[in-house]
Amino acid sequence: MGANKVVQKSKEAKMKAAMAGGRSKKKKWSKGKVKEKLANMVMFDKATYDKLLKEIPKAKLITPSVVSERLKVNGSVARAAIRHLEEKGLIAHVGEKHHAQMIYTRKVGGEGGD
């Protein structure tokens, strides 16, 4: 019996072990992937506007997301830019015109620069 008492823990030690065991078994939720915030421009400056007129009409696929990604501008600015290029006759609409899905391509066989 004497050996038994040496092996047994005190009540405080048992309580401590029980509390520690409970804490380690709790599921740790991950914070998830944090997407980096984009700092896109909300207006065109001279350099970006020139880049718009030079590069975008040469692209095969022109959508607001493509323009926004390449020129680092806001989505609404990209949509306005696409409308501007269409009015100038630099790009052509693909398929039926839809107010939400703006898909354009370069003008083929027109008055292209290159």
C-alpha atoms as a PDB file:
ATOM      1  CA  MET A   1       0.000   0.000   0.000  1.00  0.00           C
ATOM      2  CA  GLY A   2       2.840   2.333   0.700  1.00  0.00           C
ATOM      3  CA  ALA A   3       4.069   2.011  -2.882  1.00  0.00           C
ATOM      4  CA  ASN A   4       0.568   2.763  -4.118  1.00  0.00           C
ATOM      5  CA  LYS A   5       0.475   6.133  -2.338  1.00  0.00           C
ATOM      6  CA  VAL A   6       3.762   7.207  -3.912  1.00  0.00           C
ATOM      7  CA  VAL A   7       2.373   6.536  -7.429  1.00  0.00           C
ATOM      8  CA  GLN A   8      -0.901   8.430  -6.767  1.00  0.00           C
ATOM      9  CA  LYS A   9      -0.920  12.170  -7.575  1.00  0.00           C
ATOM     10  CA  SER A  10      -2.307  14.861  -5.324  1.00  0.00           C
ATOM     11  CA  LYS A  11      -5.744  16.300  -6.061  1.00  0.00           C
ATOM     12  CA  GLU A  12      -4.202  19.534  -7.335  1.00  0.00           C
ATOM     13  CA  ALA A  13      -1.919  17.653  -9.734  1.00  0.00           C
ATOM     14  CA  LYS A  14      -4.860  15.571 -11.028  1.00  0.00           C
ATOM     15  CA  MET A  15      -6.918  18.722 -11.558  1.00  0.00           C
ATOM     16  CA  LYS A  16      -4.073  20.409 -13.383  1.00  0.00           C
ATOM     17  CA  ALA A  17      -3.568  17.384 -15.665  1.00  0.00           C
ATOM     18  CA  ALA A  18      -7.295  17.186 -16.430  1.00  0.00           C
ATOM     19  CA  MET A  19      -7.487  20.878 -17.325  1.00  0.00           C
ATOM     20  CA  ALA A  20      -4.389  20.712 -19.518  1.00  0.00           C
ATOM     21  CA  GLY A  21      -5.718  17.612 -21.310  1.00  0.00           C
ATOM     22  CA  GLY A  22      -9.010  19.317 -22.080  1.00  0.00           C
ATOM     23  CA  ARG A  23      -7.290  22.378 -23.489  1.00  0.00           C
ATOM     24  CA  SER A  24      -5.010  20.482 -25.862  1.00  0.00           C
ATOM     25  CA  LYS A  25      -7.886  18.504 -27.401  1.00  0.00           C
ATOM     26  CA  LYS A  26      -9.890  21.576 -28.484  1.00  0.00           C
ATOM     27  CA  LYS A  27      -9.897  22.138 -32.243  1.00  0.00           C
ATOM     28  CA  LYS A  28      -7.860  25.098 -33.346  1.00  0.00           C
ATOM     29  CA  TRP A  29      -9.633  26.874 -36.207  1.00  0.00           C
ATOM     30  CA  SER A  30      -7.426  28.334 -38.875  1.00  0.00           C
ATOM     31  CA  LYS A  31      -7.810  32.009 -39.675  1.00  0.00           C
ATOM     32  CA  GLY A  32      -8.196  31.160 -43.375  1.00  0.00           C
ATOM     33  CA  LYS A  33      -6.292  32.647 -46.263  1.00  0.00           C
ATOM     34  CA  VAL A  34      -6.147  36.414 -46.145  1.00  0.00           C
ATOM     35  CA  LYS A  35      -6.352  37.940 -49.611  1.00  0.00           C
ATOM     36  CA  GLU A  36      -4.064  40.861 -50.247  1.00  0.00           C
ATOM     37  CA  LYS A  37      -5.935  44.142 -50.638  1.00  0.00           C
ATOM     38  CA  LEU A  38      -5.558  45.695 -54.091  1.00  0.00           C
ATOM     39  CA  ALA A  39      -4.761  49.396 -54.277  1.00  0.00           C
ATOM     40  CA  ASN A  40      -6.167  50.111 -57.737  1.00  0.00           C
ATOM     41  CA  MET A  41      -6.465  53.620 -59.133  1.00  0.00           C
ATOM     42  CA  VAL A  42      -9.885  55.243 -59.386  1.00  0.00           C
ATOM     43  CA  MET A  43      -8.926  57.676 -62.163  1.00  0.00           C
ATOM     44  CA  PHE A  44      -6.658  57.561 -65.205  1.00  0.00           C
ATOM     45  CA  ASP A  45      -3.427  59.496 -65.150  1.00  0.00           C
ATOM     46  CA  LYS A  46      -1.679  60.417 -68.403  1.00  0.00           C
ATOM     47  CA  ALA A  47       0.658  57.403 -68.425  1.00  0.00           C
ATOM     48  CA  THR A  48      -2.117  54.887 -67.745  1.00  0.00           C
ATOM     49  CA  TYR A  49      -4.409  56.458 -70.364  1.00  0.00           C
ATOM     50  CA  ASP A  50      -1.644  56.210 -72.987  1.00  0.00           C
ATOM     51  CA  LYS A  51      -1.074  52.572 -71.997  1.00  0.00           C
ATOM     52  CA  LEU A  52      -4.837  51.957 -72.387  1.00  0.00           C
ATOM     53  CA  LEU A  53      -4.853  53.345 -75.941  1.00  0.00           C
ATOM     54  CA  LYS A  54      -1.670  51.479 -76.916  1.00  0.00           C
ATOM     55  CA  GLU A  55      -1.936  48.024 -75.297  1.00  0.00           C
ATOM     56  CA  ILE A  56      -5.599  47.156 -74.722  1.00  0.00           C
ATOM     57  CA  PRO A  57      -6.775  47.346 -78.390  1.00  0.00           C
ATOM     58  CA  LYS A  58      -4.068  44.782 -79.273  1.00  0.00           C
ATOM     59  CA  ALA A  59      -5.331  42.176 -76.770  1.00  0.00           C
ATOM     60  CA  LYS A  60      -7.350  39.213 -78.047  1.00  0.00           C
ATOM     61  CA  LEU A  61      -9.754  39.213 -75.094  1.00  0.00           C
ATOM     62  CA  ILE A  62     -10.875  42.491 -73.547  1.00  0.00           C
ATOM     63  CA  THR A  63     -13.073  42.395 -70.441  1.00  0.00           C
ATOM     64  CA  PRO A  64     -13.295  44.756 -67.448  1.00  0.00           C
ATOM     65  CA  SER A  65     -11.304  42.274 -65.343  1.00  0.00           C
ATOM     66  CA  VAL A  66      -8.496  42.087 -67.936  1.00  0.00           C
ATOM     67  CA  VAL A  67      -8.300  45.892 -68.173  1.00  0.00           C
ATOM     68  CA  SER A  68      -8.420  46.234 -64.387  1.00  0.00           C
ATOM     69  CA  GLU A  69      -5.655  43.654 -63.931  1.00  0.00           C
ATOM     70  CA  ARG A  70      -3.315  45.062 -66.594  1.00  0.00           C
ATOM     71  CA  LEU A  71      -3.683  48.766 -65.863  1.00  0.00           C
ATOM     72  CA  LYS A  72      -4.267  48.431 -62.091  1.00  0.00           C
ATOM     73  CA  VAL A  73      -7.493  50.447 -62.229  1.00  0.00           C
ATOM     74  CA  ASN A  74     -10.854  50.060 -60.502  1.00  0.00           C
ATOM     75  CA  GLY A  75     -13.540  47.884 -62.127  1.00  0.00           C
ATOM     76  CA  SER A  76     -15.857  50.824 -62.821  1.00  0.00           C
ATOM     77  CA  VAL A  77     -12.964  52.732 -64.441  1.00  0.00           C
ATOM     78  CA  ALA A  78     -12.188  49.658 -66.568  1.00  0.00           C
ATOM     79  CA  ARG A  79     -15.815  49.476 -67.780  1.00  0.00           C
ATOM     80  CA  ALA A  80     -15.772  53.173 -68.677  1.00  0.00           C
ATOM     81  CA  ALA A  81     -12.461  52.686 -70.518  1.00  0.00           C
ATOM     82  CA  ILE A  82     -13.907  49.813 -72.573  1.00  0.00           C
ATOM     83  CA  ARG A  83     -16.911  51.953 -73.565  1.00  0.00           C
ATOM     84  CA  HIS A  84     -14.498  54.754 -74.515  1.00  0.00           C
ATOM     85  CA  LEU A  85     -12.436  52.422 -76.731  1.00  0.00           C
ATOM     86  CA  GLU A  86     -15.584  51.107 -78.390  1.00  0.00           C
ATOM     87  CA  GLU A  87     -16.764  54.643 -79.190  1.00  0.00           C
ATOM     88  CA  LYS A  88     -13.379  55.379 -80.744  1.00  0.00           C
ATOM     89  CA  GLY A  89     -13.748  52.226 -82.864  1.00  0.00           C
ATOM     90  CA  LEU A  90     -10.592  50.551 -81.545  1.00  0.00           C
ATOM     91  CA  ILE A  91     -12.298  47.394 -80.247  1.00  0.00           C
ATOM     92  CA  ALA A  92     -15.265  45.292 -81.385  1.00  0.00           C
ATOM     93  CA  HIS A  93     -17.969  43.570 -79.323  1.00  0.00           C
ATOM     94  CA  VAL A  94     -18.077  39.766 -79.386  1.00  0.00           C
ATOM     95  CA  GLY A  95     -21.463  38.078 -79.921  1.00  0.00           C
ATOM     96  CA  GLU A  96     -24.716  39.568 -78.696  1.00  0.00           C
ATOM     97  CA  LYS A  97     -24.367  42.703 -76.630  1.00  0.00           C
ATOM     98  CA  HIS A  98     -25.104  42.175 -72.940  1.00  0.00           C
ATOM     99  CA  HIS A  99     -25.169  44.908 -70.296  1.00  0.00           C
ATOM    100  CA  ALA A 100     -23.396  42.844 -67.629  1.00  0.00           C
ATOM    101  CA  GLN A 101     -20.969  40.646 -69.586  1.00  0.00           C
ATOM    102  CA  MET A 102     -18.771  42.977 -71.599  1.00  0.00           C
ATOM    103  CA  ILE A 103     -16.638  40.838 -73.900  1.00  0.00           C
ATOM    104  CA  TYR A 104     -14.657  42.599 -76.599  1.00  0.00           C
ATOM    105  CA  THR A 105     -11.823  41.781 -78.971  1.00  0.00           C
ATOM    106  CA  ARG A 106      -9.454  43.755 -81.159  1.00  0.00           C
ATOM    107  CA  LYS A 107     -10.736  45.157 -84.452  1.00  0.00           C
ATOM    108  CA  VAL A 108      -9.703  42.830 -87.287  1.00  0.00           C
ATOM    109  CA  GLY A 109      -8.782  44.279 -90.683  1.00  0.00           C
ATOM    110  CA  GLY A 110      -9.748  47.804 -89.653  1.00  0.00           C
ATOM    111  CA  GLU A 111      -7.519  50.833 -89.293  1.00  0.00           C
ATOM    112  CA  GLY A 112      -5.111  49.092 -86.913  1.00  0.00           C
ATOM    113  CA  GLY A 113      -1.777  50.846 -86.213  1.00  0.00           C
ATOM    114  CA  ASP A 114       0.727  47.986 -86.652  1.00  0.00           C
END
